[in-house]
Amino acid sequence: VVDLEVPSFVFHYEDYSNRFEEVTDELIAFLELDRRGVAPPFVDNKRYDSYYSVEDKEHVAIFVQEFATKRTWGHLQHYFPSDSIQMEVSRAIVSVNA
């Protein structure tokens, strides 16, 4: 995105909780669209923890960290517990080197 000079818009899940209308307006403006009607209500704090095992979540965190740019990881890292990432990365390095 940076190298191609493609504009980007970053917002976080919690932004919808704290300022739903503002973020919606900002996103619509960024996309150069017109607002059509009223946005459906945002349901905050939906949890999907039961869908994924701890190991699944660790693998996703490692995958995202590995393939994300530093800038992107900076935006996403607070969604992943750093202890589990470091433990899993250490285990992955040990298993590759074994």
N, C-alpha and C. Protein backbone atom coordinates (compact mmCIF):
# COMPACT_ATOMS: atom_id res chain seq x y z
N VAL A 1 0.83 -1.18 0.00
CA VAL A 1 0.00 0.00 0.00
C VAL A 1 0.88 1.25 0.00
N VAL A 2 1.88 1.27 0.86
CA VAL A 2 2.76 2.44 0.93
C VAL A 2 3.57 2.56 -0.35
N ASP A 3 4.19 1.45 -0.77
CA ASP A 3 5.01 1.47 -1.98
C ASP A 3 4.20 1.85 -3.22
N LEU A 4 2.98 1.41 -3.26
CA LEU A 4 2.11 1.70 -4.41
C LEU A 4 1.38 3.03 -4.26
N GLU A 5 1.57 3.67 -3.13
CA GLU A 5 0.92 4.94 -2.83
C GLU A 5 -0.60 4.84 -2.93
N VAL A 6 -1.12 3.72 -2.45
CA VAL A 6 -2.55 3.50 -2.41
C VAL A 6 -3.06 4.05 -1.08
N PRO A 7 -4.06 4.91 -1.10
CA PRO A 7 -4.57 5.44 0.17
C PRO A 7 -5.15 4.33 1.03
N SER A 8 -4.99 4.47 2.32
CA SER A 8 -5.56 3.49 3.24
C SER A 8 -6.27 4.20 4.38
N PHE A 9 -7.16 3.47 5.01
CA PHE A 9 -7.92 4.00 6.12
C PHE A 9 -7.88 2.97 7.23
N VAL A 10 -7.38 3.34 8.37
CA VAL A 10 -7.25 2.40 9.48
C VAL A 10 -8.25 2.77 10.57
N PHE A 11 -9.01 1.78 10.97
CA PHE A 11 -9.84 1.95 12.16
C PHE A 11 -9.85 0.62 12.89
N HIS A 12 -10.11 0.67 14.16
CA HIS A 12 -10.07 -0.52 14.99
C HIS A 12 -11.48 -0.91 15.41
N TYR A 13 -11.63 -2.16 15.72
CA TYR A 13 -12.92 -2.69 16.16
C TYR A 13 -13.51 -1.82 17.27
N GLU A 14 -12.68 -1.47 18.23
CA GLU A 14 -13.18 -0.70 19.37
C GLU A 14 -13.61 0.71 18.98
N ASP A 15 -13.15 1.21 17.84
CA ASP A 15 -13.60 2.52 17.37
C ASP A 15 -15.11 2.51 17.11
N TYR A 16 -15.60 1.38 16.61
CA TYR A 16 -17.05 1.27 16.39
C TYR A 16 -17.80 1.36 17.71
N SER A 17 -17.23 0.79 18.76
CA SER A 17 -17.88 0.83 20.07
C SER A 17 -17.93 2.25 20.62
N ASN A 18 -16.84 2.97 20.44
CA ASN A 18 -16.69 4.28 21.07
C ASN A 18 -17.26 5.43 20.25
N ARG A 19 -17.24 5.27 18.92
CA ARG A 19 -17.68 6.38 18.08
C ARG A 19 -18.20 5.86 16.74
N PHE A 20 -19.21 5.07 16.80
CA PHE A 20 -19.76 4.38 15.64
C PHE A 20 -20.13 5.33 14.50
N GLU A 21 -20.91 6.35 14.78
CA GLU A 21 -21.37 7.26 13.72
C GLU A 21 -20.19 8.00 13.08
N GLU A 22 -19.25 8.46 13.89
CA GLU A 22 -18.09 9.18 13.35
C GLU A 22 -17.26 8.29 12.44
N VAL A 23 -16.98 7.07 12.90
CA VAL A 23 -16.17 6.15 12.11
C VAL A 23 -16.89 5.78 10.82
N THR A 24 -18.18 5.56 10.91
CA THR A 24 -18.97 5.24 9.72
C THR A 24 -18.89 6.39 8.71
N ASP A 25 -19.06 7.63 9.20
CA ASP A 25 -18.96 8.80 8.32
C ASP A 25 -17.56 8.92 7.71
N GLU A 26 -16.54 8.69 8.52
CA GLU A 26 -15.16 8.78 8.02
C GLU A 26 -14.89 7.73 6.95
N LEU A 27 -15.37 6.51 7.17
CA LEU A 27 -15.18 5.44 6.21
C LEU A 27 -15.92 5.73 4.91
N ILE A 28 -17.13 6.19 5.01
CA ILE A 28 -17.91 6.53 3.81
C ILE A 28 -17.23 7.65 3.03
N ALA A 29 -16.72 8.64 3.74
CA ALA A 29 -16.00 9.74 3.08
C ALA A 29 -14.73 9.23 2.41
N PHE A 30 -13.98 8.37 3.11
CA PHE A 30 -12.75 7.81 2.53
C PHE A 30 -13.04 7.05 1.24
N LEU A 31 -14.13 6.31 1.25
CA LEU A 31 -14.51 5.52 0.06
C LEU A 31 -15.20 6.37 -1.01
N GLU A 32 -15.37 7.65 -0.70
CA GLU A 32 -16.01 8.59 -1.62
C GLU A 32 -17.40 8.11 -2.02
N LEU A 33 -18.15 7.69 -1.01
CA LEU A 33 -19.51 7.22 -1.22
C LEU A 33 -20.48 8.17 -0.55
N ASP A 34 -21.74 8.03 -0.90
CA ASP A 34 -22.80 8.76 -0.22
C ASP A 34 -23.47 7.82 0.77
N ARG A 35 -23.85 8.38 1.89
CA ARG A 35 -24.57 7.57 2.89
C ARG A 35 -25.95 7.27 2.34
N ARG A 36 -26.35 6.01 2.47
CA ARG A 36 -27.68 5.59 2.04
C ARG A 36 -28.40 5.00 3.24
N GLY A 37 -29.33 5.69 3.74
CA GLY A 37 -30.12 5.18 4.85
C GLY A 37 -29.36 5.19 6.17
N VAL A 38 -29.88 4.43 7.09
CA VAL A 38 -29.32 4.35 8.44
C VAL A 38 -28.56 3.04 8.58
N ALA A 39 -27.37 3.12 9.14
CA ALA A 39 -26.58 1.90 9.36
C ALA A 39 -27.25 1.02 10.40
N PRO A 40 -27.17 -0.29 10.22
CA PRO A 40 -27.72 -1.17 11.25
C PRO A 40 -26.95 -0.99 12.55
N PRO A 41 -27.59 -1.25 13.67
CA PRO A 41 -26.90 -1.06 14.94
C PRO A 41 -25.69 -1.98 15.06
N PHE A 42 -24.66 -1.45 15.67
CA PHE A 42 -23.44 -2.24 15.92
C PHE A 42 -23.57 -2.94 17.26
N VAL A 43 -23.41 -4.25 17.26
CA VAL A 43 -23.49 -5.03 18.49
C VAL A 43 -22.07 -5.23 18.99
N ASP A 44 -21.77 -4.60 20.11
CA ASP A 44 -20.43 -4.60 20.68
C ASP A 44 -20.16 -5.86 21.49
N ASN A 45 -18.89 -6.19 21.59
CA ASN A 45 -18.40 -7.27 22.45
C ASN A 45 -18.89 -8.66 22.08
N LYS A 46 -19.10 -8.90 20.81
CA LYS A 46 -19.40 -10.27 20.40
C LYS A 46 -18.13 -11.08 20.64
N ARG A 47 -18.27 -12.24 21.16
CA ARG A 47 -17.11 -13.09 21.46
C ARG A 47 -17.21 -14.38 20.65
N TYR A 48 -16.09 -14.77 20.07
CA TYR A 48 -16.04 -16.00 19.28
C TYR A 48 -14.98 -16.94 19.83
N ASP A 49 -14.62 -16.75 21.10
CA ASP A 49 -13.56 -17.55 21.70
C ASP A 49 -13.82 -19.05 21.61
N SER A 50 -15.08 -19.44 21.72
CA SER A 50 -15.39 -20.87 21.73
C SER A 50 -15.20 -21.52 20.36
N TYR A 51 -15.08 -20.74 19.31
CA TYR A 51 -14.91 -21.29 17.97
C TYR A 51 -13.48 -21.77 17.72
N TYR A 52 -12.53 -21.23 18.46
CA TYR A 52 -11.11 -21.50 18.18
C TYR A 52 -10.39 -21.96 19.44
N SER A 53 -9.50 -22.92 19.28
CA SER A 53 -8.69 -23.37 20.41
C SER A 53 -7.58 -22.36 20.68
N VAL A 54 -6.96 -22.47 21.83
CA VAL A 54 -5.83 -21.60 22.17
C VAL A 54 -4.74 -21.76 21.12
N GLU A 55 -4.50 -23.00 20.71
CA GLU A 55 -3.47 -23.27 19.69
C GLU A 55 -3.83 -22.60 18.36
N ASP A 56 -5.10 -22.66 17.96
CA ASP A 56 -5.54 -22.00 16.72
C ASP A 56 -5.25 -20.51 16.78
N LYS A 57 -5.58 -19.89 17.91
CA LYS A 57 -5.37 -18.45 18.07
C LYS A 57 -3.89 -18.11 18.01
N GLU A 58 -3.06 -18.95 18.63
CA GLU A 58 -1.61 -18.72 18.59
C GLU A 58 -1.09 -18.80 17.16
N HIS A 59 -1.57 -19.79 16.41
CA HIS A 59 -1.13 -19.95 15.02
C HIS A 59 -1.53 -18.76 14.16
N VAL A 60 -2.75 -18.27 14.36
CA VAL A 60 -3.21 -17.10 13.62
C VAL A 60 -2.33 -15.89 13.96
N ALA A 61 -2.06 -15.70 15.24
CA ALA A 61 -1.23 -14.57 15.67
C ALA A 61 0.15 -14.64 15.03
N ILE A 62 0.75 -15.81 15.01
CA ILE A 62 2.07 -15.97 14.41
C ILE A 62 2.00 -15.70 12.92
N PHE A 63 0.99 -16.24 12.26
CA PHE A 63 0.83 -16.03 10.82
C PHE A 63 0.72 -14.54 10.50
N VAL A 64 -0.15 -13.85 11.23
CA VAL A 64 -0.35 -12.43 10.98
C VAL A 64 0.93 -11.66 11.24
N GLN A 65 1.61 -11.97 12.34
CA GLN A 65 2.85 -11.27 12.66
C GLN A 65 3.91 -11.51 11.60
N GLU A 66 4.00 -12.73 11.11
CA GLU A 66 5.01 -13.08 10.10
C GLU A 66 4.79 -12.33 8.79
N PHE A 67 3.55 -12.22 8.36
CA PHE A 67 3.26 -11.69 7.04
C PHE A 67 2.86 -10.22 7.01
N ALA A 68 2.58 -9.64 8.15
CA ALA A 68 2.19 -8.23 8.20
C ALA A 68 3.42 -7.34 8.10
N THR A 69 3.23 -6.17 7.54
CA THR A 69 4.30 -5.17 7.60
C THR A 69 4.40 -4.69 9.04
N LYS A 70 5.49 -4.02 9.36
CA LYS A 70 5.64 -3.48 10.72
C LYS A 70 4.50 -2.52 11.04
N ARG A 71 4.12 -1.74 10.07
CA ARG A 71 3.04 -0.78 10.29
C ARG A 71 1.72 -1.50 10.57
N THR A 72 1.43 -2.52 9.77
CA THR A 72 0.19 -3.27 9.96
C THR A 72 0.20 -4.00 11.29
N TRP A 73 1.33 -4.64 11.63
CA TRP A 73 1.43 -5.34 12.91
C TRP A 73 1.24 -4.35 14.06
N GLY A 74 1.73 -3.14 13.90
CA GLY A 74 1.54 -2.12 14.92
C GLY A 74 0.07 -1.84 15.19
N HIS A 75 -0.74 -1.93 14.16
CA HIS A 75 -2.18 -1.72 14.33
C HIS A 75 -2.88 -2.95 14.90
N LEU A 76 -2.34 -4.14 14.64
CA LEU A 76 -3.04 -5.37 15.00
C LEU A 76 -2.55 -6.04 16.28
N GLN A 77 -1.34 -5.75 16.70
CA GLN A 77 -0.74 -6.55 17.78
C GLN A 77 -1.53 -6.52 19.08
N HIS A 78 -2.27 -5.45 19.34
CA HIS A 78 -3.01 -5.41 20.60
C HIS A 78 -4.18 -6.40 20.63
N TYR A 79 -4.50 -6.99 19.49
CA TYR A 79 -5.55 -8.01 19.47
C TYR A 79 -5.01 -9.40 19.82
N PHE A 80 -3.70 -9.54 19.88
CA PHE A 80 -3.06 -10.83 20.15
C PHE A 80 -2.24 -10.75 21.43
N PRO A 81 -2.38 -11.72 22.33
CA PRO A 81 -1.56 -11.71 23.54
C PRO A 81 -0.10 -12.01 23.20
N SER A 82 0.78 -11.12 23.54
CA SER A 82 2.18 -11.24 23.13
C SER A 82 2.87 -12.44 23.76
N ASP A 83 2.50 -12.85 24.97
CA ASP A 83 3.15 -13.99 25.61
C ASP A 83 2.96 -15.26 24.79
N SER A 84 1.74 -15.48 24.30
CA SER A 84 1.49 -16.71 23.54
C SER A 84 2.23 -16.69 22.21
N ILE A 85 2.36 -15.50 21.62
CA ILE A 85 3.08 -15.41 20.34
C ILE A 85 4.53 -15.76 20.56
N GLN A 86 5.15 -15.16 21.57
CA GLN A 86 6.56 -15.41 21.82
C GLN A 86 6.82 -16.87 22.17
N MET A 87 5.94 -17.47 22.97
CA MET A 87 6.11 -18.88 23.33
C MET A 87 6.02 -19.75 22.08
N GLU A 88 5.04 -19.49 21.25
CA GLU A 88 4.82 -20.30 20.06
C GLU A 88 5.94 -20.11 19.05
N VAL A 89 6.40 -18.87 18.88
CA VAL A 89 7.52 -18.61 17.97
C VAL A 89 8.74 -19.38 18.44
N SER A 90 9.00 -19.36 19.74
CA SER A 90 10.14 -20.10 20.28
C SER A 90 10.00 -21.58 20.00
N ARG A 91 8.80 -22.13 20.21
CA ARG A 91 8.57 -23.55 19.94
C ARG A 91 8.75 -23.86 18.46
N ALA A 92 8.26 -22.97 17.58
CA ALA A 92 8.39 -23.21 16.14
C ALA A 92 9.85 -23.20 15.72
N ILE A 93 10.63 -22.30 16.28
CA ILE A 93 12.06 -22.23 15.94
C ILE A 93 12.76 -23.49 16.41
N VAL A 94 12.43 -23.93 17.62
CA VAL A 94 13.04 -25.15 18.16
C VAL A 94 12.68 -26.34 17.29
N SER A 95 11.41 -26.45 16.89
CA SER A 95 11.00 -27.62 16.10
C SER A 95 11.62 -27.60 14.71
N VAL A 96 11.84 -26.43 14.14
CA VAL A 96 12.47 -26.34 12.82
C VAL A 96 13.95 -26.71 12.92
N ASN A 97 14.58 -26.29 13.99
CA ASN A 97 16.01 -26.55 14.18
C ASN A 97 16.30 -27.95 14.70
N ALA A 98 15.27 -28.68 15.12
CA ALA A 98 15.49 -30.00 15.71
C ALA A 98 15.81 -31.04 14.65
